Structure formats: C-alpha cells, structure tokens
C-alpha cells in the first residue's frame, strides 16, 4: 500500500513554502529567516538525490544569475489542482557571452548563489536556448506541484 499526503495538506505545504503562511497546529511561521526563494535554470534534470543542490546542472552563461522572489502572495499564486505558480513572468539576466546553452529545467532553492538546498525543480516546455543577447523568461504558467 502506498502512502501519501492529503490534497489539503499539499495545498497548505505549498502556501507555507511559497507564501510564508502558517499551517495551523503544525507550523507557525512568524519570522522565517528565508524571505525569498531563488529561481534557477538548468541544462539537465538535476535528479532527486541527497547530493542534489541548487548548482546541479545549473546554466553558466556570462551574465547569468538566479532570480529571487519574495515568499508572499504578491509573487506567487495558488492555482486550482494544488499547484502554485509565479504571478508574473520571471526574467533572468541577459546572456552577455559564452557558448550557447539550452535550459531544459528550472529550479527553486534557498540561496542566491552557491550550493543551497534545491526545493523544487521541473522541466521547461519549451526549452530556452540561451545565447548572446537572449533574456531567458520563465513564464507565469510554470507550475510547481506538490505530490
């Protein structure tokens, strides 16, 4: 028999992580030290292992940097079906040099640079070819599901 989370708890968990909302009776979040989540682009599936971090397969074009979104309802919206998505498109820094790279996955983690904890990741469709002059965009239809 498989075990899992209820839909109600999945929804609560997404609201806590992305909007900093408490889960009554389970998790109070009056002053979380994590004020933003950091979005990244990856060239391959980072996988789901104990060694996966925010830098796993992270794109490296010149000018690249992770994009931070505050954990609040001004940046994230819960959508029907127990998933969450950014309210607006997320624009990454323009590629200013280096060989073209293709972003095939996005990630959401805890730090602006370095290893950090990768919380969520998912495939990009369509993929984003990052070459000189391109501003990669993660659209607001990009969804993060809790399963």
N, C-alpha and C. Protein backbone atom coordinates (compact mmCIF):
# COMPACT_ATOMS: atom_id res chain seq x y z
N UNK A 1 0.84 -1.17 0.00
CA UNK A 1 0.00 0.00 0.00
C UNK A 1 0.89 1.24 0.00
N UNK A 2 0.59 2.18 -0.86
CA UNK A 2 1.36 3.42 -0.94
C UNK A 2 0.83 4.43 0.07
N UNK A 3 1.72 5.27 0.52
CA UNK A 3 1.30 6.34 1.42
C UNK A 3 1.48 7.67 0.71
N UNK A 4 0.85 8.68 1.22
CA UNK A 4 0.97 9.98 0.58
C UNK A 4 0.39 11.06 1.46
N UNK A 5 0.32 12.27 0.93
CA UNK A 5 -0.25 13.42 1.64
C UNK A 5 -1.65 13.67 1.12
N UNK A 6 -2.48 14.25 1.96
CA UNK A 6 -3.81 14.64 1.51
C UNK A 6 -3.70 15.88 0.63
N UNK A 7 -4.69 16.11 -0.20
CA UNK A 7 -4.71 17.31 -1.04
C UNK A 7 -4.69 18.57 -0.18
N UNK A 8 -5.43 18.56 0.92
CA UNK A 8 -5.48 19.73 1.80
C UNK A 8 -4.09 20.04 2.36
N UNK A 9 -3.34 19.02 2.78
CA UNK A 9 -2.01 19.25 3.32
C UNK A 9 -1.03 19.68 2.23
N UNK A 10 -1.17 19.10 1.03
CA UNK A 10 -0.33 19.52 -0.09
C UNK A 10 -0.51 21.01 -0.36
N UNK A 11 -1.75 21.46 -0.35
CA UNK A 11 -2.05 22.87 -0.55
C UNK A 11 -1.44 23.72 0.56
N UNK A 12 -1.62 23.30 1.81
CA UNK A 12 -1.04 24.02 2.95
C UNK A 12 0.48 24.11 2.85
N UNK A 13 1.10 23.03 2.44
CA UNK A 13 2.56 23.00 2.33
C UNK A 13 3.06 23.98 1.27
N UNK A 14 2.39 24.03 0.13
CA UNK A 14 2.76 24.99 -0.90
C UNK A 14 2.61 26.42 -0.40
N UNK A 15 1.50 26.70 0.30
CA UNK A 15 1.28 28.06 0.82
C UNK A 15 2.34 28.43 1.86
N UNK A 16 2.76 27.48 2.67
CA UNK A 16 3.79 27.75 3.67
C UNK A 16 5.13 28.04 3.00
N UNK A 17 5.52 27.22 2.04
CA UNK A 17 6.83 27.38 1.40
C UNK A 17 6.88 28.62 0.53
N UNK A 18 5.86 28.85 -0.28
CA UNK A 18 5.93 29.93 -1.26
C UNK A 18 5.38 31.27 -0.76
N UNK A 19 4.48 31.24 0.21
CA UNK A 19 3.89 32.49 0.68
C UNK A 19 4.14 32.77 2.15
N UNK A 20 4.85 31.86 2.83
CA UNK A 20 5.17 32.06 4.23
C UNK A 20 3.97 31.98 5.16
N UNK A 21 2.93 31.24 4.75
CA UNK A 21 1.73 31.14 5.57
C UNK A 21 1.83 29.95 6.53
N UNK A 22 1.34 30.14 7.74
CA UNK A 22 1.38 29.08 8.76
C UNK A 22 0.43 27.95 8.39
N UNK A 23 0.74 26.78 8.91
CA UNK A 23 -0.18 25.64 8.86
C UNK A 23 -0.68 25.48 10.29
N UNK A 24 -1.92 25.92 10.57
CA UNK A 24 -2.42 25.91 11.94
C UNK A 24 -2.25 24.54 12.61
N UNK A 25 -1.69 24.59 13.82
CA UNK A 25 -1.49 23.38 14.60
C UNK A 25 -0.28 22.57 14.22
N UNK A 26 0.41 22.96 13.14
CA UNK A 26 1.58 22.20 12.69
C UNK A 26 2.82 23.07 12.59
N UNK A 27 2.71 24.18 11.89
CA UNK A 27 3.88 25.02 11.65
C UNK A 27 3.50 26.49 11.72
N UNK A 28 4.06 27.18 12.69
CA UNK A 28 3.91 28.61 12.77
C UNK A 28 5.11 29.23 12.08
N UNK A 29 4.89 30.27 11.31
CA UNK A 29 5.99 30.91 10.60
C UNK A 29 5.97 32.42 10.84
N UNK A 30 6.09 32.84 12.11
CA UNK A 30 6.01 34.27 12.39
C UNK A 30 7.16 35.08 11.83
N UNK A 31 8.35 34.52 11.77
CA UNK A 31 9.51 35.26 11.27
C UNK A 31 10.52 34.29 10.67
N UNK A 32 10.22 33.77 9.51
CA UNK A 32 11.12 32.82 8.86
C UNK A 32 12.36 33.54 8.36
N UNK A 33 13.54 32.97 8.56
CA UNK A 33 14.75 33.60 8.04
C UNK A 33 14.82 33.54 6.51
N UNK A 34 14.05 32.64 5.90
CA UNK A 34 14.02 32.54 4.44
C UNK A 34 12.96 33.50 3.91
N UNK A 35 13.39 34.65 3.42
CA UNK A 35 12.44 35.67 2.95
C UNK A 35 12.18 35.58 1.45
N UNK A 36 13.07 34.91 0.71
CA UNK A 36 12.91 34.78 -0.74
C UNK A 36 13.25 33.37 -1.18
N UNK A 37 12.69 32.99 -2.31
CA UNK A 37 13.05 31.75 -2.99
C UNK A 37 13.82 32.16 -4.25
N UNK A 38 14.80 31.34 -4.62
CA UNK A 38 15.69 31.69 -5.72
C UNK A 38 15.49 30.73 -6.89
N UNK A 39 15.10 31.29 -8.03
CA UNK A 39 14.84 30.51 -9.23
C UNK A 39 16.10 30.39 -10.07
N UNK A 40 16.29 29.22 -10.66
CA UNK A 40 17.48 28.97 -11.46
C UNK A 40 17.11 28.22 -12.73
N UNK A 41 18.05 28.18 -13.66
CA UNK A 41 17.89 27.43 -14.90
C UNK A 41 18.93 26.33 -14.94
N UNK A 42 18.55 25.18 -15.51
CA UNK A 42 19.45 24.03 -15.54
C UNK A 42 19.50 23.43 -16.94
N UNK A 43 20.63 22.82 -17.26
CA UNK A 43 20.81 22.22 -18.58
C UNK A 43 20.37 20.76 -18.64
N UNK A 44 20.03 20.17 -17.50
CA UNK A 44 19.59 18.78 -17.45
C UNK A 44 18.76 18.55 -16.19
N UNK A 45 18.12 17.42 -16.12
CA UNK A 45 17.34 17.02 -14.94
C UNK A 45 18.29 16.87 -13.76
N UNK A 46 18.10 17.68 -12.69
CA UNK A 46 19.02 17.60 -11.55
C UNK A 46 18.84 16.33 -10.72
N UNK A 47 17.76 15.63 -10.92
CA UNK A 47 17.52 14.41 -10.17
C UNK A 47 17.08 14.66 -8.75
N UNK A 48 16.72 13.59 -8.10
CA UNK A 48 16.16 13.65 -6.76
C UNK A 48 17.01 12.78 -5.84
N UNK A 49 18.19 13.29 -5.47
CA UNK A 49 19.07 12.52 -4.59
C UNK A 49 19.54 13.39 -3.43
N UNK A 50 20.17 12.78 -2.48
CA UNK A 50 20.68 13.52 -1.32
C UNK A 50 21.81 14.46 -1.69
N UNK A 51 22.44 14.26 -2.85
CA UNK A 51 23.55 15.12 -3.25
C UNK A 51 23.11 16.26 -4.19
N UNK A 52 21.85 16.28 -4.60
CA UNK A 52 21.36 17.34 -5.48
C UNK A 52 21.30 18.66 -4.72
N UNK A 53 21.84 19.72 -5.33
CA UNK A 53 21.75 21.05 -4.74
C UNK A 53 21.41 22.04 -5.85
N UNK A 54 21.37 23.32 -5.51
CA UNK A 54 20.97 24.32 -6.49
C UNK A 54 21.93 24.45 -7.66
N UNK A 55 23.18 24.04 -7.50
CA UNK A 55 24.15 24.19 -8.58
C UNK A 55 24.18 22.99 -9.52
N UNK A 56 23.44 21.93 -9.22
CA UNK A 56 23.43 20.73 -10.04
C UNK A 56 22.90 21.07 -11.44
N UNK A 57 23.75 20.94 -12.43
CA UNK A 57 23.45 21.23 -13.84
C UNK A 57 22.99 22.67 -14.08
N UNK A 58 23.34 23.58 -13.18
CA UNK A 58 22.92 24.97 -13.37
C UNK A 58 23.62 25.59 -14.57
N UNK A 59 22.89 26.38 -15.31
CA UNK A 59 23.40 27.03 -16.51
C UNK A 59 24.53 28.00 -16.11
N UNK A 60 25.46 28.28 -17.04
CA UNK A 60 26.63 29.09 -16.66
C UNK A 60 26.97 30.18 -17.66
N UNK A 61 26.03 30.65 -18.46
CA UNK A 61 26.38 31.69 -19.43
C UNK A 61 26.85 32.97 -18.72
N UNK A 62 27.63 33.78 -19.41
CA UNK A 62 28.10 35.05 -18.84
C UNK A 62 26.91 35.97 -18.60
N UNK A 63 26.87 36.53 -17.41
CA UNK A 63 25.77 37.42 -17.03
C UNK A 63 24.67 36.73 -16.26
N UNK A 64 24.68 35.40 -16.21
CA UNK A 64 23.62 34.64 -15.54
C UNK A 64 23.63 34.87 -14.04
N UNK A 65 22.47 34.85 -13.45
CA UNK A 65 22.31 34.88 -12.01
C UNK A 65 20.91 34.37 -11.66
N UNK A 66 20.78 33.80 -10.49
CA UNK A 66 19.47 33.35 -10.02
C UNK A 66 18.59 34.57 -9.77
N UNK A 67 17.28 34.35 -9.84
CA UNK A 67 16.32 35.42 -9.63
C UNK A 67 15.54 35.13 -8.35
N UNK A 68 15.52 36.10 -7.44
CA UNK A 68 14.82 35.93 -6.17
C UNK A 68 13.40 36.47 -6.22
N UNK A 69 12.48 35.72 -5.65
CA UNK A 69 11.10 36.16 -5.47
C UNK A 69 10.74 36.02 -4.00
N UNK A 70 10.25 37.10 -3.42
CA UNK A 70 9.84 37.07 -2.02
C UNK A 70 8.74 36.02 -1.81
N UNK A 71 8.73 35.46 -0.63
CA UNK A 71 7.73 34.44 -0.27
C UNK A 71 6.46 35.14 0.18
N UNK A 72 5.63 35.54 -0.79
CA UNK A 72 4.38 36.21 -0.45
C UNK A 72 3.38 36.11 -1.60
N UNK A 73 2.17 36.55 -1.34
CA UNK A 73 1.11 36.45 -2.35
C UNK A 73 1.23 37.52 -3.43
N UNK A 74 2.21 38.40 -3.33
CA UNK A 74 2.46 39.36 -4.41
C UNK A 74 3.27 38.72 -5.54
N UNK A 75 3.96 37.62 -5.24
CA UNK A 75 4.80 36.95 -6.24
C UNK A 75 4.30 35.58 -6.66
N UNK A 76 3.50 34.94 -5.83
CA UNK A 76 3.05 33.57 -6.07
C UNK A 76 1.54 33.48 -5.94
N UNK A 77 0.96 32.60 -6.72
CA UNK A 77 -0.49 32.37 -6.64
C UNK A 77 -0.75 30.87 -6.63
N UNK A 78 -1.64 30.46 -5.74
CA UNK A 78 -2.06 29.06 -5.73
C UNK A 78 -3.13 28.91 -6.78
N UNK A 79 -3.01 27.89 -7.57
CA UNK A 79 -3.97 27.65 -8.65
C UNK A 79 -4.77 26.39 -8.34
N UNK A 80 -5.91 26.23 -8.97
CA UNK A 80 -6.70 25.01 -8.75
C UNK A 80 -5.87 23.77 -9.05
N UNK A 81 -6.09 22.71 -8.31
CA UNK A 81 -5.37 21.47 -8.56
C UNK A 81 -4.13 21.31 -7.71
N UNK A 82 -3.99 22.13 -6.68
CA UNK A 82 -2.89 22.01 -5.72
C UNK A 82 -1.52 22.22 -6.34
N UNK A 83 -1.42 23.29 -7.06
CA UNK A 83 -0.11 23.72 -7.52
C UNK A 83 -0.01 25.22 -7.35
N UNK A 84 1.22 25.72 -7.49
CA UNK A 84 1.47 27.14 -7.32
C UNK A 84 2.30 27.60 -8.51
N UNK A 85 2.20 28.87 -8.84
CA UNK A 85 2.96 29.41 -9.97
C UNK A 85 3.31 30.86 -9.70
N UNK A 86 4.33 31.39 -10.39
CA UNK A 86 4.63 32.82 -10.23
C UNK A 86 3.48 33.65 -10.80
N UNK A 87 3.20 34.79 -10.19
CA UNK A 87 2.15 35.67 -10.70
C UNK A 87 2.56 36.31 -12.02
N UNK A 88 3.82 36.66 -12.17
CA UNK A 88 4.32 37.30 -13.39
C UNK A 88 5.45 36.46 -13.99
N UNK A 89 5.74 36.72 -15.25
CA UNK A 89 6.89 36.07 -15.88
C UNK A 89 8.15 36.44 -15.10
N UNK A 90 9.10 35.50 -15.03
CA UNK A 90 10.37 35.73 -14.34
C UNK A 90 11.46 35.89 -15.40
N UNK A 91 12.07 37.07 -15.42
CA UNK A 91 13.11 37.36 -16.40
C UNK A 91 14.48 37.17 -15.75
N UNK A 92 15.29 36.33 -16.39
CA UNK A 92 16.66 36.11 -15.92
C UNK A 92 17.57 37.14 -16.59
N UNK A 93 18.77 37.34 -16.05
CA UNK A 93 19.70 38.29 -16.68
C UNK A 93 20.04 37.89 -18.12
N UNK A 94 20.24 38.89 -18.94
CA UNK A 94 20.58 38.70 -20.35
C UNK A 94 21.91 37.96 -20.48
N UNK A 95 21.98 37.06 -21.44
CA UNK A 95 23.23 36.36 -21.74
C UNK A 95 24.16 37.35 -22.42
N UNK A 96 25.35 37.55 -21.84
CA UNK A 96 26.30 38.52 -22.38
C UNK A 96 27.53 37.86 -23.01
N UNK A 97 27.62 36.54 -22.92
CA UNK A 97 28.77 35.87 -23.52
C UNK A 97 28.79 34.39 -23.22
N UNK A 98 29.74 33.72 -23.82
CA UNK A 98 29.90 32.29 -23.62
C UNK A 98 29.17 31.51 -24.70
N UNK A 99 29.43 30.22 -24.72
CA UNK A 99 28.79 29.34 -25.69
C UNK A 99 27.30 29.24 -25.37
N UNK A 100 26.51 29.08 -26.40
CA UNK A 100 25.07 28.90 -26.21
C UNK A 100 24.81 27.66 -25.37
N UNK A 101 23.86 27.77 -24.45
CA UNK A 101 23.45 26.64 -23.62
C UNK A 101 21.93 26.55 -23.68
N UNK A 102 21.41 25.35 -23.49
CA UNK A 102 19.97 25.15 -23.52
C UNK A 102 19.47 24.82 -22.13
N UNK A 103 18.58 25.66 -21.61
CA UNK A 103 17.94 25.41 -20.32
C UNK A 103 16.77 24.47 -20.56
N UNK A 104 16.82 23.31 -19.91
CA UNK A 104 15.76 22.31 -20.07
C UNK A 104 14.95 22.12 -18.79
N UNK A 105 15.47 22.64 -17.66
CA UNK A 105 14.80 22.53 -16.36
C UNK A 105 14.91 23.85 -15.62
N UNK A 106 13.99 24.08 -14.70
CA UNK A 106 14.08 25.21 -13.78
C UNK A 106 14.20 24.63 -12.38
N UNK A 107 14.72 25.43 -11.47
CA UNK A 107 14.82 25.01 -10.07
C UNK A 107 14.39 26.13 -9.15
N UNK A 108 14.00 25.76 -7.94
CA UNK A 108 13.65 26.73 -6.90
C UNK A 108 14.38 26.31 -5.65
N UNK A 109 15.20 27.24 -5.11
CA UNK A 109 16.02 26.91 -3.96
C UNK A 109 16.09 28.02 -2.94
N UNK A 110 17.06 27.88 -2.03
CA UNK A 110 17.10 28.71 -0.83
C UNK A 110 18.16 29.81 -0.81
N UNK A 111 19.10 29.82 -1.76
CA UNK A 111 20.15 30.84 -1.72
C UNK A 111 20.36 31.49 -3.09
N UNK A 112 20.90 32.71 -3.07
CA UNK A 112 21.11 33.49 -4.29
C UNK A 112 22.25 32.94 -5.15
N UNK A 113 23.24 32.29 -4.53
CA UNK A 113 24.35 31.71 -5.27
C UNK A 113 24.95 30.57 -4.45
N UNK A 114 25.69 29.72 -5.11
CA UNK A 114 26.33 28.62 -4.40
C UNK A 114 25.46 27.37 -4.35
N UNK A 115 25.78 26.50 -3.39
CA UNK A 115 25.14 25.19 -3.34
C UNK A 115 23.67 25.26 -2.96
N UNK A 116 23.31 25.75 -1.82
CA UNK A 116 21.91 25.89 -1.42
C UNK A 116 21.09 24.63 -1.54
N UNK A 117 19.94 24.63 -0.90
CA UNK A 117 19.02 23.50 -0.95
C UNK A 117 18.06 23.69 -2.11
N UNK A 118 18.02 22.72 -3.02
CA UNK A 118 17.08 22.73 -4.12
C UNK A 118 15.76 22.16 -3.60
N UNK A 119 14.71 22.98 -3.59
CA UNK A 119 13.42 22.56 -3.05
C UNK A 119 12.54 21.90 -4.10
N UNK A 120 12.46 22.51 -5.26
CA UNK A 120 11.61 22.01 -6.34
C UNK A 120 12.36 22.19 -7.65
N UNK A 121 12.02 21.36 -8.64
CA UNK A 121 12.55 21.51 -9.98
C UNK A 121 11.54 20.91 -10.95
N UNK A 122 11.64 21.31 -12.22
CA UNK A 122 10.73 20.77 -13.21
C UNK A 122 11.22 21.07 -14.62
N UNK A 123 10.67 20.35 -15.60
CA UNK A 123 11.09 20.56 -16.98
C UNK A 123 10.52 21.85 -17.56
N UNK A 124 11.26 22.43 -18.49
CA UNK A 124 10.79 23.61 -19.22
C UNK A 124 10.21 23.17 -20.55
N UNK A 125 9.09 23.76 -20.91
CA UNK A 125 8.49 23.48 -22.21
C UNK A 125 7.85 24.75 -22.73
N UNK A 126 8.42 25.33 -23.75
CA UNK A 126 9.57 24.85 -24.50
C UNK A 126 10.87 25.14 -23.75
N UNK A 127 11.93 24.47 -24.19
CA UNK A 127 13.24 24.73 -23.60
C UNK A 127 13.68 26.13 -24.01
N UNK A 128 14.69 26.68 -23.33
CA UNK A 128 15.17 28.03 -23.61
C UNK A 128 16.62 27.95 -24.08
N UNK A 129 16.87 28.37 -25.32
CA UNK A 129 18.24 28.43 -25.83
C UNK A 129 18.82 29.77 -25.40
N UNK A 130 19.87 29.71 -24.59
CA UNK A 130 20.50 30.91 -24.03
C UNK A 130 21.77 31.20 -24.82
N UNK A 131 21.69 32.22 -25.65
CA UNK A 131 22.85 32.66 -26.42
C UNK A 131 22.97 34.17 -26.24
N UNK A 132 24.05 34.75 -26.73
CA UNK A 132 24.32 36.17 -26.52
C UNK A 132 23.11 37.02 -26.93
N UNK A 133 22.70 37.89 -26.02
CA UNK A 133 21.58 38.79 -26.26
C UNK A 133 20.23 38.28 -25.77
N UNK A 134 20.14 37.00 -25.47
CA UNK A 134 18.86 36.41 -25.06
C UNK A 134 18.60 36.69 -23.57
N UNK A 135 17.35 37.07 -23.28
CA UNK A 135 16.88 37.21 -21.90
C UNK A 135 15.96 36.01 -21.64
N UNK A 136 16.44 35.00 -20.91
CA UNK A 136 15.60 33.84 -20.63
C UNK A 136 14.39 34.23 -19.77
N UNK A 137 13.24 33.69 -20.12
CA UNK A 137 12.00 34.00 -19.39
C UNK A 137 11.34 32.71 -18.94
N UNK A 138 11.07 32.64 -17.64
CA UNK A 138 10.27 31.57 -17.07
C UNK A 138 8.85 32.13 -16.98
N UNK A 139 7.94 31.59 -17.77
CA UNK A 139 6.61 32.19 -17.86
C UNK A 139 5.79 31.94 -16.60
N UNK A 140 4.78 32.78 -16.41
CA UNK A 140 3.93 32.65 -15.24
C UNK A 140 3.01 31.44 -15.33
N UNK A 141 3.09 30.69 -16.40
CA UNK A 141 2.32 29.45 -16.47
C UNK A 141 3.14 28.26 -15.96
N UNK A 142 4.38 28.51 -15.55
CA UNK A 142 5.24 27.47 -14.99
C UNK A 142 4.69 27.06 -13.63
N UNK A 143 4.34 25.80 -13.49
CA UNK A 143 3.66 25.34 -12.28
C UNK A 143 4.55 24.45 -11.43
N UNK A 144 4.38 24.59 -10.12
CA UNK A 144 5.08 23.75 -9.15
C UNK A 144 4.01 22.94 -8.43
N UNK A 145 4.10 21.63 -8.56
CA UNK A 145 3.12 20.72 -7.97
C UNK A 145 3.67 20.10 -6.70
N UNK A 146 2.81 19.86 -5.75
CA UNK A 146 3.17 19.13 -4.54
C UNK A 146 2.51 17.76 -4.67
N UNK A 147 3.32 16.72 -4.60
CA UNK A 147 2.78 15.36 -4.74
C UNK A 147 3.05 14.55 -3.50
